[in-house]
Amino acid sequence: MSENTNQITEEMNAFYERADEFIQLANTLRTDDIHAGKINASMLYAVARFSAWTAATGFVKGSDYAKEKQDIIEHFTKNFERMLSDNIDDYAENFQKYMQIGN
């Protein structure tokens, strides 16, 4: 293995910067009346809607797209599950820091 395997590439950095922009937007939408759960529900809907569109761009006919529905769902679900699992692990390891407990 090369020494660069643990370094964040420019592409990875751009990925995290885009994600951070979405998180920052979500945080600006929070108010006393609109808690994080409501924001999360809206974000999940937006991600589902955008994912459906993203997958559709690879097709010419809706009928072909519909035939691939289960594979498309499995693809996005598997990626979400992996990312959620990684982030839960990260939060568990850094819980006090991230949740600002005991500061």
PDB file of N, CA and C in Angstrom:
ATOM      1  N   MET A   1       0.832  -1.196   0.000  1.00  0.00           N
ATOM      2  CA  MET A   1       0.000   0.000   0.000  1.00  0.00           C
ATOM      3  C   MET A   1       0.867   1.246   0.000  1.00  0.00           C
ATOM      4  N   SER A   2       0.398   2.256  -0.662  1.00  0.00           N
ATOM      5  CA  SER A   2       1.156   3.497  -0.695  1.00  0.00           C
ATOM      6  C   SER A   2       0.875   4.309   0.561  1.00  0.00           C
ATOM      7  N   GLU A   3       1.707   5.293   0.786  1.00  0.00           N
ATOM      8  CA  GLU A   3       1.545   6.150   1.961  1.00  0.00           C
ATOM      9  C   GLU A   3       0.316   7.042   1.846  1.00  0.00           C
ATOM     10  N   ASN A   4      -0.215   7.235   0.658  1.00  0.00           N
ATOM     11  CA  ASN A   4      -1.306   8.168   0.429  1.00  0.00           C
ATOM     12  C   ASN A   4      -2.690   7.577   0.687  1.00  0.00           C
ATOM     13  N   THR A   5      -2.788   6.314   1.102  1.00  0.00           N
ATOM     14  CA  THR A   5      -4.098   5.688   1.254  1.00  0.00           C
ATOM     15  C   THR A   5      -4.945   6.341   2.330  1.00  0.00           C
ATOM     16  N   ASN A   6      -4.363   6.967   3.322  1.00  0.00           N
ATOM     17  CA  ASN A   6      -5.134   7.602   4.393  1.00  0.00           C
ATOM     18  C   ASN A   6      -5.330   9.092   4.176  1.00  0.00           C
ATOM     19  N   GLN A   7      -4.803   9.619   3.090  1.00  0.00           N
ATOM     20  CA  GLN A   7      -4.949  11.040   2.824  1.00  0.00           C
ATOM     21  C   GLN A   7      -6.286  11.305   2.131  1.00  0.00           C
ATOM     22  N   ILE A   8      -6.857  12.449   2.443  1.00  0.00           N
ATOM     23  CA  ILE A   8      -8.105  12.847   1.792  1.00  0.00           C
ATOM     24  C   ILE A   8      -7.754  13.480   0.456  1.00  0.00           C
ATOM     25  N   THR A   9      -8.306  12.923  -0.603  1.00  0.00           N
ATOM     26  CA  THR A   9      -8.048  13.446  -1.938  1.00  0.00           C
ATOM     27  C   THR A   9      -8.862  14.709  -2.160  1.00  0.00           C
ATOM     28  N   GLU A  10      -8.544  15.410  -3.239  1.00  0.00           N
ATOM     29  CA  GLU A  10      -9.290  16.615  -3.589  1.00  0.00           C
ATOM     30  C   GLU A  10     -10.762  16.277  -3.841  1.00  0.00           C
ATOM     31  N   GLU A  11     -11.016  15.130  -4.491  1.00  0.00           N
ATOM     32  CA  GLU A  11     -12.393  14.707  -4.763  1.00  0.00           C
ATOM     33  C   GLU A  11     -13.136  14.394  -3.465  1.00  0.00           C
ATOM     34  N   MET A  12     -12.463  13.715  -2.524  1.00  0.00           N
ATOM     35  CA  MET A  12     -13.091  13.412  -1.243  1.00  0.00           C
ATOM     36  C   MET A  12     -13.369  14.692  -0.475  1.00  0.00           C
ATOM     37  N   ASN A  13     -12.445  15.620  -0.520  1.00  0.00           N
ATOM     38  CA  ASN A  13     -12.626  16.891   0.177  1.00  0.00           C
ATOM     39  C   ASN A  13     -13.838  17.633  -0.388  1.00  0.00           C
ATOM     40  N   ALA A  14     -13.996  17.629  -1.712  1.00  0.00           N
ATOM     41  CA  ALA A  14     -15.152  18.282  -2.340  1.00  0.00           C
ATOM     42  C   ALA A  14     -16.453  17.592  -1.909  1.00  0.00           C
ATOM     43  N   PHE A  15     -16.425  16.254  -1.810  1.00  0.00           N
ATOM     44  CA  PHE A  15     -17.590  15.487  -1.343  1.00  0.00           C
ATOM     45  C   PHE A  15     -18.009  15.956   0.042  1.00  0.00           C
ATOM     46  N   TYR A  16     -17.050  16.037   0.976  1.00  0.00           N
ATOM     47  CA  TYR A  16     -17.361  16.448   2.349  1.00  0.00           C
ATOM     48  C   TYR A  16     -17.785  17.914   2.421  1.00  0.00           C
ATOM     49  N   GLU A  17     -17.201  18.756   1.594  1.00  0.00           N
ATOM     50  CA  GLU A  17     -17.608  20.166   1.578  1.00  0.00           C
ATOM     51  C   GLU A  17     -19.056  20.313   1.123  1.00  0.00           C
ATOM     52  N   ARG A  18     -19.471  19.535   0.097  1.00  0.00           N
ATOM     53  CA  ARG A  18     -20.867  19.588  -0.344  1.00  0.00           C
ATOM     54  C   ARG A  18     -21.787  19.107   0.772  1.00  0.00           C
ATOM     55  N   ALA A  19     -21.404  18.018   1.417  1.00  0.00           N
ATOM     56  CA  ALA A  19     -22.219  17.492   2.517  1.00  0.00           C
ATOM     57  C   ALA A  19     -22.337  18.535   3.629  1.00  0.00           C
ATOM     58  N   ASP A  20     -21.238  19.179   3.964  1.00  0.00           N
ATOM     59  CA  ASP A  20     -21.262  20.209   5.006  1.00  0.00           C
ATOM     60  C   ASP A  20     -22.187  21.365   4.638  1.00  0.00           C
ATOM     61  N   GLU A  21     -22.262  21.711   3.352  1.00  0.00           N
ATOM     62  CA  GLU A  21     -23.168  22.781   2.929  1.00  0.00           C
ATOM     63  C   GLU A  21     -24.625  22.397   3.178  1.00  0.00           C
ATOM     64  N   PHE A  22     -24.973  21.133   2.911  1.00  0.00           N
ATOM     65  CA  PHE A  22     -26.337  20.677   3.188  1.00  0.00           C
ATOM     66  C   PHE A  22     -26.624  20.690   4.687  1.00  0.00           C
ATOM     67  N   ILE A  23     -25.664  20.272   5.485  1.00  0.00           N
ATOM     68  CA  ILE A  23     -25.833  20.268   6.940  1.00  0.00           C
ATOM     69  C   ILE A  23     -25.995  21.699   7.448  1.00  0.00           C
ATOM     70  N   GLN A  24     -25.188  22.616   6.931  1.00  0.00           N
ATOM     71  CA  GLN A  24     -25.304  24.019   7.341  1.00  0.00           C
ATOM     72  C   GLN A  24     -26.681  24.576   6.985  1.00  0.00           C
ATOM     73  N   LEU A  25     -27.177  24.238   5.783  1.00  0.00           N
ATOM     74  CA  LEU A  25     -28.516  24.688   5.401  1.00  0.00           C
ATOM     75  C   LEU A  25     -29.557  24.115   6.356  1.00  0.00           C
ATOM     76  N   ALA A  26     -29.450  22.839   6.662  1.00  0.00           N
ATOM     77  CA  ALA A  26     -30.399  22.209   7.589  1.00  0.00           C
ATOM     78  C   ALA A  26     -30.374  22.915   8.939  1.00  0.00           C
ATOM     79  N   ASN A  27     -29.202  23.247   9.417  1.00  0.00           N
ATOM     80  CA  ASN A  27     -29.094  23.929  10.710  1.00  0.00           C
ATOM     81  C   ASN A  27     -29.720  25.312  10.686  1.00  0.00           C
ATOM     82  N   THR A  28     -29.677  25.993   9.548  1.00  0.00           N
ATOM     83  CA  THR A  28     -30.292  27.327   9.471  1.00  0.00           C
ATOM     84  C   THR A  28     -31.816  27.237   9.474  1.00  0.00           C
ATOM     85  N   LEU A  29     -32.362  26.075   9.135  1.00  0.00           N
ATOM     86  CA  LEU A  29     -33.819  25.905   9.100  1.00  0.00           C
ATOM     87  C   LEU A  29     -34.412  25.571  10.463  1.00  0.00           C
ATOM     88  N   ARG A  30     -33.560  25.217  11.417  1.00  0.00           N
ATOM     89  CA  ARG A  30     -34.045  24.852  12.753  1.00  0.00           C
ATOM     90  C   ARG A  30     -34.506  26.085  13.519  1.00  0.00           C
ATOM     91  N   THR A  31     -35.667  25.941  14.143  1.00  0.00           N
ATOM     92  CA  THR A  31     -36.204  26.987  15.019  1.00  0.00           C
ATOM     93  C   THR A  31     -36.807  26.296  16.234  1.00  0.00           C
ATOM     94  N   ASP A  32     -37.385  27.075  17.133  1.00  0.00           N
ATOM     95  CA  ASP A  32     -38.065  26.485  18.283  1.00  0.00           C
ATOM     96  C   ASP A  32     -39.233  25.602  17.844  1.00  0.00           C
ATOM     97  N   ASP A  33     -39.879  25.977  16.739  1.00  0.00           N
ATOM     98  CA  ASP A  33     -41.032  25.222  16.238  1.00  0.00           C
ATOM     99  C   ASP A  33     -40.649  24.113  15.255  1.00  0.00           C
ATOM    100  N   ILE A  34     -39.503  24.246  14.625  1.00  0.00           N
ATOM    101  CA  ILE A  34     -39.069  23.264  13.621  1.00  0.00           C
ATOM    102  C   ILE A  34     -37.821  22.577  14.157  1.00  0.00           C
ATOM    103  N   HIS A  35     -38.037  21.433  14.809  1.00  0.00           N
ATOM    104  CA  HIS A  35     -36.919  20.721  15.432  1.00  0.00           C
ATOM    105  C   HIS A  35     -36.179  19.858  14.408  1.00  0.00           C
ATOM    106  N   ALA A  36     -35.072  19.303  14.828  1.00  0.00           N
ATOM    107  CA  ALA A  36     -34.195  18.533  13.943  1.00  0.00           C
ATOM    108  C   ALA A  36     -34.920  17.366  13.272  1.00  0.00           C
ATOM    109  N   GLY A  37     -35.855  16.735  13.959  1.00  0.00           N
ATOM    110  CA  GLY A  37     -36.599  15.621  13.372  1.00  0.00           C
ATOM    111  C   GLY A  37     -37.394  16.038  12.150  1.00  0.00           C
ATOM    112  N   LYS A  38     -37.999  17.234  12.213  1.00  0.00           N
ATOM    113  CA  LYS A  38     -38.758  17.736  11.060  1.00  0.00           C
ATOM    114  C   LYS A  38     -37.822  18.064   9.900  1.00  0.00           C
ATOM    115  N   ILE A  39     -36.679  18.647  10.226  1.00  0.00           N
ATOM    116  CA  ILE A  39     -35.689  18.969   9.190  1.00  0.00           C
ATOM    117  C   ILE A  39     -35.198  17.671   8.556  1.00  0.00           C
ATOM    118  N   ASN A  40     -34.920  16.672   9.387  1.00  0.00           N
ATOM    119  CA  ASN A  40     -34.443  15.388   8.880  1.00  0.00           C
ATOM    120  C   ASN A  40     -35.463  14.753   7.940  1.00  0.00           C
ATOM    121  N   ALA A  41     -36.735  14.807   8.293  1.00  0.00           N
ATOM    122  CA  ALA A  41     -37.780  14.236   7.434  1.00  0.00           C
ATOM    123  C   ALA A  41     -37.805  14.930   6.071  1.00  0.00           C
ATOM    124  N   SER A  42     -37.679  16.248   6.080  1.00  0.00           N
ATOM    125  CA  SER A  42     -37.639  16.990   4.817  1.00  0.00           C
ATOM    126  C   SER A  42     -36.404  16.646   4.005  1.00  0.00           C
ATOM    127  N   MET A  43     -35.272  16.516   4.688  1.00  0.00           N
ATOM    128  CA  MET A  43     -34.035  16.157   3.982  1.00  0.00           C
ATOM    129  C   MET A  43     -34.131  14.759   3.381  1.00  0.00           C
ATOM    130  N   LEU A  44     -34.701  13.817   4.126  1.00  0.00           N
ATOM    131  CA  LEU A  44     -34.853  12.460   3.604  1.00  0.00           C
ATOM    132  C   LEU A  44     -35.735  12.466   2.356  1.00  0.00           C
ATOM    133  N   TYR A  45     -36.821  13.230   2.403  1.00  0.00           N
ATOM    134  CA  TYR A  45     -37.685  13.329   1.225  1.00  0.00           C
ATOM    135  C   TYR A  45     -36.912  13.929   0.052  1.00  0.00           C
ATOM    136  N   ALA A  46     -36.174  14.995   0.317  1.00  0.00           N
ATOM    137  CA  ALA A  46     -35.403  15.646  -0.747  1.00  0.00           C
ATOM    138  C   ALA A  46     -34.363  14.691  -1.334  1.00  0.00           C
ATOM    139  N   VAL A  47     -33.692  13.938  -0.488  1.00  0.00           N
ATOM    140  CA  VAL A  47     -32.695  12.975  -0.965  1.00  0.00           C
ATOM    141  C   VAL A  47     -33.369  11.877  -1.787  1.00  0.00           C
ATOM    142  N   ALA A  48     -34.528  11.402  -1.326  1.00  0.00           N
ATOM    143  CA  ALA A  48     -35.252  10.376  -2.078  1.00  0.00           C
ATOM    144  C   ALA A  48     -35.676  10.921  -3.443  1.00  0.00           C
ATOM    145  N   ARG A  49     -36.186  12.138  -3.461  1.00  0.00           N
ATOM    146  CA  ARG A  49     -36.634  12.748  -4.714  1.00  0.00           C
ATOM    147  C   ARG A  49     -35.467  12.956  -5.672  1.00  0.00           C
ATOM    148  N   PHE A  50     -34.365  13.472  -5.161  1.00  0.00           N
ATOM    149  CA  PHE A  50     -33.188  13.718  -5.993  1.00  0.00           C
ATOM    150  C   PHE A  50     -32.579  12.401  -6.463  1.00  0.00           C
ATOM    151  N   SER A  51     -32.572  11.392  -5.605  1.00  0.00           N
ATOM    152  CA  SER A  51     -32.049  10.076  -5.982  1.00  0.00           C
ATOM    153  C   SER A  51     -32.884   9.447  -7.087  1.00  0.00           C
ATOM    154  N   ALA A  52     -34.203   9.578  -6.995  1.00  0.00           N
ATOM    155  CA  ALA A  52     -35.076   9.048  -8.043  1.00  0.00           C
ATOM    156  C   ALA A  52     -34.779   9.738  -9.372  1.00  0.00           C
ATOM    157  N   TRP A  53     -34.594  11.036  -9.323  1.00  0.00           N
ATOM    158  CA  TRP A  53     -34.258  11.782 -10.548  1.00  0.00           C
ATOM    159  C   TRP A  53     -32.886  11.371 -11.070  1.00  0.00           C
ATOM    160  N   THR A  54     -31.903  11.277 -10.169  1.00  0.00           N
ATOM    161  CA  THR A  54     -30.552  10.888 -10.578  1.00  0.00           C
ATOM    162  C   THR A  54     -30.573   9.540 -11.288  1.00  0.00           C
ATOM    163  N   ALA A  55     -31.262   8.577 -10.715  1.00  0.00           N
ATOM    164  CA  ALA A  55     -31.357   7.250 -11.327  1.00  0.00           C
ATOM    165  C   ALA A  55     -32.083   7.325 -12.671  1.00  0.00           C
ATOM    166  N   ALA A  56     -33.106   8.143 -12.766  1.00  0.00           N
ATOM    167  CA  ALA A  56     -33.888   8.250 -14.002  1.00  0.00           C
ATOM    168  C   ALA A  56     -33.073   8.802 -15.159  1.00  0.00           C
ATOM    169  N   THR A  57     -32.054   9.609 -14.856  1.00  0.00           N
ATOM    170  CA  THR A  57     -31.259  10.201 -15.936  1.00  0.00           C
ATOM    171  C   THR A  57     -30.509   9.156 -16.756  1.00  0.00           C
ATOM    172  N   GLY A  58     -30.397   7.944 -16.237  1.00  0.00           N
ATOM    173  CA  GLY A  58     -29.710   6.888 -16.971  1.00  0.00           C
ATOM    174  C   GLY A  58     -30.610   6.086 -17.893  1.00  0.00           C
ATOM    175  N   PHE A  59     -31.845   6.498 -18.049  1.00  0.00           N
ATOM    176  CA  PHE A  59     -32.810   5.744 -18.851  1.00  0.00           C
ATOM    177  C   PHE A  59     -33.415   6.611 -19.944  1.00  0.00           C
ATOM    178  N   VAL A  60     -33.942   5.934 -20.974  1.00  0.00           N
ATOM    179  CA  VAL A  60     -34.621   6.613 -22.072  1.00  0.00           C
ATOM    180  C   VAL A  60     -36.130   6.442 -21.950  1.00  0.00           C
ATOM    181  N   LYS A  61     -36.560   5.305 -21.378  1.00  0.00           N
ATOM    182  CA  LYS A  61     -37.987   5.014 -21.254  1.00  0.00           C
ATOM    183  C   LYS A  61     -38.352   4.753 -19.792  1.00  0.00           C
ATOM    184  N   GLY A  62     -39.500   5.293 -19.393  1.00  0.00           N
ATOM    185  CA  GLY A  62     -39.983   5.095 -18.032  1.00  0.00           C
ATOM    186  C   GLY A  62     -40.214   3.637 -17.707  1.00  0.00           C
ATOM    187  N   SER A  63     -40.632   2.867 -18.693  1.00  0.00           N
ATOM    188  CA  SER A  63     -40.891   1.444 -18.451  1.00  0.00           C
ATOM    189  C   SER A  63     -39.602   0.694 -18.115  1.00  0.00           C
ATOM    190  N   ASP A  64     -38.504   1.061 -18.757  1.00  0.00           N
ATOM    191  CA  ASP A  64     -37.209   0.434 -18.423  1.00  0.00           C
ATOM    192  C   ASP A  64     -36.758   0.850 -17.025  1.00  0.00           C
ATOM    193  N   TYR A  65     -36.982   2.110 -16.720  1.00  0.00           N
ATOM    194  CA  TYR A  65     -36.654   2.646 -15.389  1.00  0.00           C
ATOM    195  C   TYR A  65     -37.442   1.900 -14.315  1.00  0.00           C
ATOM    196  N   ALA A  66     -38.719   1.718 -14.548  1.00  0.00           N
ATOM    197  CA  ALA A  66     -39.577   1.025 -13.578  1.00  0.00           C
ATOM    198  C   ALA A  66     -39.124  -0.413 -13.356  1.00  0.00           C
ATOM    199  N   LYS A  67     -38.648  -1.067 -14.399  1.00  0.00           N
ATOM    200  CA  LYS A  67     -38.174  -2.449 -14.273  1.00  0.00           C
ATOM    201  C   LYS A  67     -36.970  -2.555 -13.336  1.00  0.00           C
ATOM    202  N   GLU A  68     -36.218  -1.490 -13.217  1.00  0.00           N
ATOM    203  CA  GLU A  68     -35.005  -1.486 -12.392  1.00  0.00           C
ATOM    204  C   GLU A  68     -35.249  -0.948 -10.985  1.00  0.00           C
ATOM    205  N   LYS A  69     -36.503  -0.711 -10.650  1.00  0.00           N
ATOM    206  CA  LYS A  69     -36.855  -0.084  -9.369  1.00  0.00           C
ATOM    207  C   LYS A  69     -36.175  -0.762  -8.185  1.00  0.00           C
ATOM    208  N   GLN A  70     -36.283  -2.076  -8.068  1.00  0.00           N
ATOM    209  CA  GLN A  70     -35.730  -2.765  -6.908  1.00  0.00           C
ATOM    210  C   GLN A  70     -34.209  -2.618  -6.827  1.00  0.00           C
ATOM    211  N   ASP A  71     -33.525  -2.730  -7.965  1.00  0.00           N
ATOM    212  CA  ASP A  71     -32.071  -2.557  -7.974  1.00  0.00           C
ATOM    213  C   ASP A  71     -31.678  -1.133  -7.587  1.00  0.00           C
ATOM    214  N   ILE A  72     -32.436  -0.163  -8.065  1.00  0.00           N
ATOM    215  CA  ILE A  72     -32.170   1.238  -7.727  1.00  0.00           C
ATOM    216  C   ILE A  72     -32.352   1.452  -6.227  1.00  0.00           C
ATOM    217  N   ILE A  73     -33.443   0.947  -5.677  1.00  0.00           N
ATOM    218  CA  ILE A  73     -33.700   1.076  -4.239  1.00  0.00           C
ATOM    219  C   ILE A  73     -32.586   0.407  -3.434  1.00  0.00           C
ATOM    220  N   GLU A  74     -32.186  -0.781  -3.833  1.00  0.00           N
ATOM    221  CA  GLU A  74     -31.118  -1.489  -3.121  1.00  0.00           C
ATOM    222  C   GLU A  74     -29.810  -0.712  -3.169  1.00  0.00           C
ATOM    223  N   HIS A  75     -29.499  -0.131  -4.324  1.00  0.00           N
ATOM    224  CA  HIS A  75     -28.262   0.649  -4.466  1.00  0.00           C
ATOM    225  C   HIS A  75     -28.242   1.824  -3.485  1.00  0.00           C
ATOM    226  N   PHE A  76     -29.304   2.628  -3.506  1.00  0.00           N
ATOM    227  CA  PHE A  76     -29.329   3.806  -2.644  1.00  0.00           C
ATOM    228  C   PHE A  76     -29.454   3.421  -1.169  1.00  0.00           C
ATOM    229  N   THR A  77     -30.224   2.394  -0.871  1.00  0.00           N
ATOM    230  CA  THR A  77     -30.396   1.949   0.511  1.00  0.00           C
ATOM    231  C   THR A  77     -29.081   1.439   1.089  1.00  0.00           C
ATOM    232  N   LYS A  78     -28.359   0.647   0.316  1.00  0.00           N
ATOM    233  CA  LYS A  78     -27.078   0.110   0.777  1.00  0.00           C
ATOM    234  C   LYS A  78     -26.087   1.244   1.079  1.00  0.00           C
ATOM    235  N   ASN A  79     -26.045   2.241   0.194  1.00  0.00           N
ATOM    236  CA  ASN A  79     -25.144   3.366   0.419  1.00  0.00           C
ATOM    237  C   ASN A  79     -25.556   4.180   1.640  1.00  0.00           C
ATOM    238  N   PHE A  80     -26.857   4.430   1.796  1.00  0.00           N
ATOM    239  CA  PHE A  80     -27.326   5.182   2.959  1.00  0.00           C
ATOM    240  C   PHE A  80     -27.027   4.420   4.243  1.00  0.00           C
ATOM    241  N   GLU A  81     -27.289   3.121   4.247  1.00  0.00           N
ATOM    242  CA  GLU A  81     -27.048   2.308   5.441  1.00  0.00           C
ATOM    243  C   GLU A  81     -25.570   2.336   5.845  1.00  0.00           C
ATOM    244  N   ARG A  82     -24.682   2.235   4.868  1.00  0.00           N
ATOM    245  CA  ARG A  82     -23.243   2.282   5.160  1.00  0.00           C
ATOM    246  C   ARG A  82     -22.846   3.646   5.726  1.00  0.00           C
ATOM    247  N   MET A  83     -23.327   4.699   5.110  1.00  0.00           N
ATOM    248  CA  MET A  83     -22.987   6.047   5.570  1.00  0.00           C
ATOM    249  C   MET A  83     -23.566   6.323   6.953  1.00  0.00           C
ATOM    250  N   LEU A  84     -24.802   5.897   7.194  1.00  0.00           N
ATOM    251  CA  LEU A  84     -25.419   6.077   8.507  1.00  0.00           C
ATOM    252  C   LEU A  84     -24.655   5.300   9.564  1.00  0.00           C
ATOM    253  N   SER A  85     -24.296   4.075   9.268  1.00  0.00           N
ATOM    254  CA  SER A  85     -23.539   3.249  10.210  1.00  0.00           C
ATOM    255  C   SER A  85     -22.192   3.892  10.551  1.00  0.00           C
ATOM    256  N   ASP A  86     -21.486   4.366   9.525  1.00  0.00           N
ATOM    257  CA  ASP A  86     -20.195   5.027   9.755  1.00  0.00           C
ATOM    258  C   ASP A  86     -20.352   6.264  10.633  1.00  0.00           C
ATOM    259  N   ASN A  87     -21.415   7.031  10.396  1.00  0.00           N
ATOM    260  CA  ASN A  87     -21.626   8.246  11.178  1.00  0.00           C
ATOM    261  C   ASN A  87     -22.067   7.953  12.602  1.00  0.00           C
ATOM    262  N   ILE A  88     -22.843   6.896  12.809  1.00  0.00           N
ATOM    263  CA  ILE A  88     -23.205   6.502  14.179  1.00  0.00           C
ATOM    264  C   ILE A  88     -21.949   6.078  14.935  1.00  0.00           C
ATOM    265  N   ASP A  89     -21.089   5.306  14.286  1.00  0.00           N
ATOM    266  CA  ASP A  89     -19.820   4.918  14.915  1.00  0.00           C
ATOM    267  C   ASP A  89     -18.998   6.147  15.279  1.00  0.00           C
ATOM    268  N   ASP A  90     -18.918   7.109  14.363  1.00  0.00           N
ATOM    269  CA  ASP A  90     -18.158   8.332  14.601  1.00  0.00           C
ATOM    270  C   ASP A  90     -18.744   9.114  15.769  1.00  0.00           C
ATOM    271  N   TYR A  91     -20.071   9.250  15.807  1.00  0.00           N
ATOM    272  CA  TYR A  91     -20.704   9.969  16.918  1.00  0.00           C
ATOM    273  C   TYR A  91     -20.506   9.242  18.242  1.00  0.00           C
ATOM    274  N   ALA A  92     -20.581   7.926  18.233  1.00  0.00           N
ATOM    275  CA  ALA A  92     -20.382   7.163  19.467  1.00  0.00           C
ATOM    276  C   ALA A  92     -18.967   7.372  20.001  1.00  0.00           C
ATOM    277  N   GLU A  93     -17.996   7.393  19.102  1.00  0.00           N
ATOM    278  CA  GLU A  93     -16.592   7.570  19.507  1.00  0.00           C
ATOM    279  C   GLU A  93     -16.294   8.997  19.954  1.00  0.00           C
ATOM    280  N   ASN A  94     -17.029   9.956  19.447  1.00  0.00           N
ATOM    281  CA  ASN A  94     -16.780  11.375  19.740  1.00  0.00           C
ATOM    282  C   ASN A  94     -17.995  12.041  20.384  1.00  0.00           C
ATOM    283  N   PHE A  95     -18.779  11.262  21.091  1.00  0.00           N
ATOM    284  CA  PHE A  95     -20.077  11.720  21.581  1.00  0.00           C
ATOM    285  C   PHE A  95     -19.997  13.015  22.389  1.00  0.00           C
ATOM    286  N   GLN A  96     -19.142  13.051  23.389  1.00  0.00           N
ATOM    287  CA  GLN A  96     -19.084  14.247  24.245  1.00  0.00           C
ATOM    288  C   GLN A  96     -18.656  15.463  23.466  1.00  0.00           C
ATOM    289  N   LYS A  97     -17.724  15.286  22.561  1.00  0.00           N
ATOM    290  CA  LYS A  97     -17.246  16.410  21.736  1.00  0.00           C
ATOM    291  C   LYS A  97     -18.352  16.917  20.805  1.00  0.00           C
ATOM    292  N   TYR A  98     -18.995  15.998  20.057  1.00  0.00           N
ATOM    293  CA  TYR A  98     -20.003  16.396  19.085  1.00  0.00           C
ATOM    294  C   TYR A  98     -21.273  16.927  19.750  1.00  0.00           C
ATOM    295  N   MET A  99     -21.667  16.319  20.852  1.00  0.00           N
ATOM    296  CA  MET A  99     -22.896  16.715  21.521  1.00  0.00           C
ATOM    297  C   MET A  99     -22.655  17.796  22.569  1.00  0.00           C
ATOM    298  N   GLN A 100     -21.397  18.197  22.720  1.00  0.00           N
ATOM    299  CA  GLN A 100     -20.962  19.262  23.625  1.00  0.00           C
ATOM    300  C   GLN A 100     -21.430  18.998  25.055  1.00  0.00           C
ATOM    301  N   ILE A 101     -21.250  17.752  25.483  1.00  0.00           N
ATOM    302  CA  ILE A 101     -21.610  17.358  26.846  1.00  0.00           C
ATOM    303  C   ILE A 101     -20.377  17.479  27.717  1.00  0.00           C
ATOM    304  N   GLY A 102     -20.540  18.145  28.829  1.00  0.00           N
ATOM    305  CA  GLY A 102     -19.440  18.285  29.773  1.00  0.00           C
ATOM    306  C   GLY A 102     -18.454  19.387  29.420  1.00  0.00           C
ATOM    307  N   ASN A 103     -18.845  20.273  28.489  1.00  0.00           N
ATOM    308  CA  ASN A 103     -17.948  21.378  28.128  1.00  0.00           C
ATOM    309  C   ASN A 103     -18.257  22.598  28.929  1.00  0.00           C
TER     310      ASN A 103
END
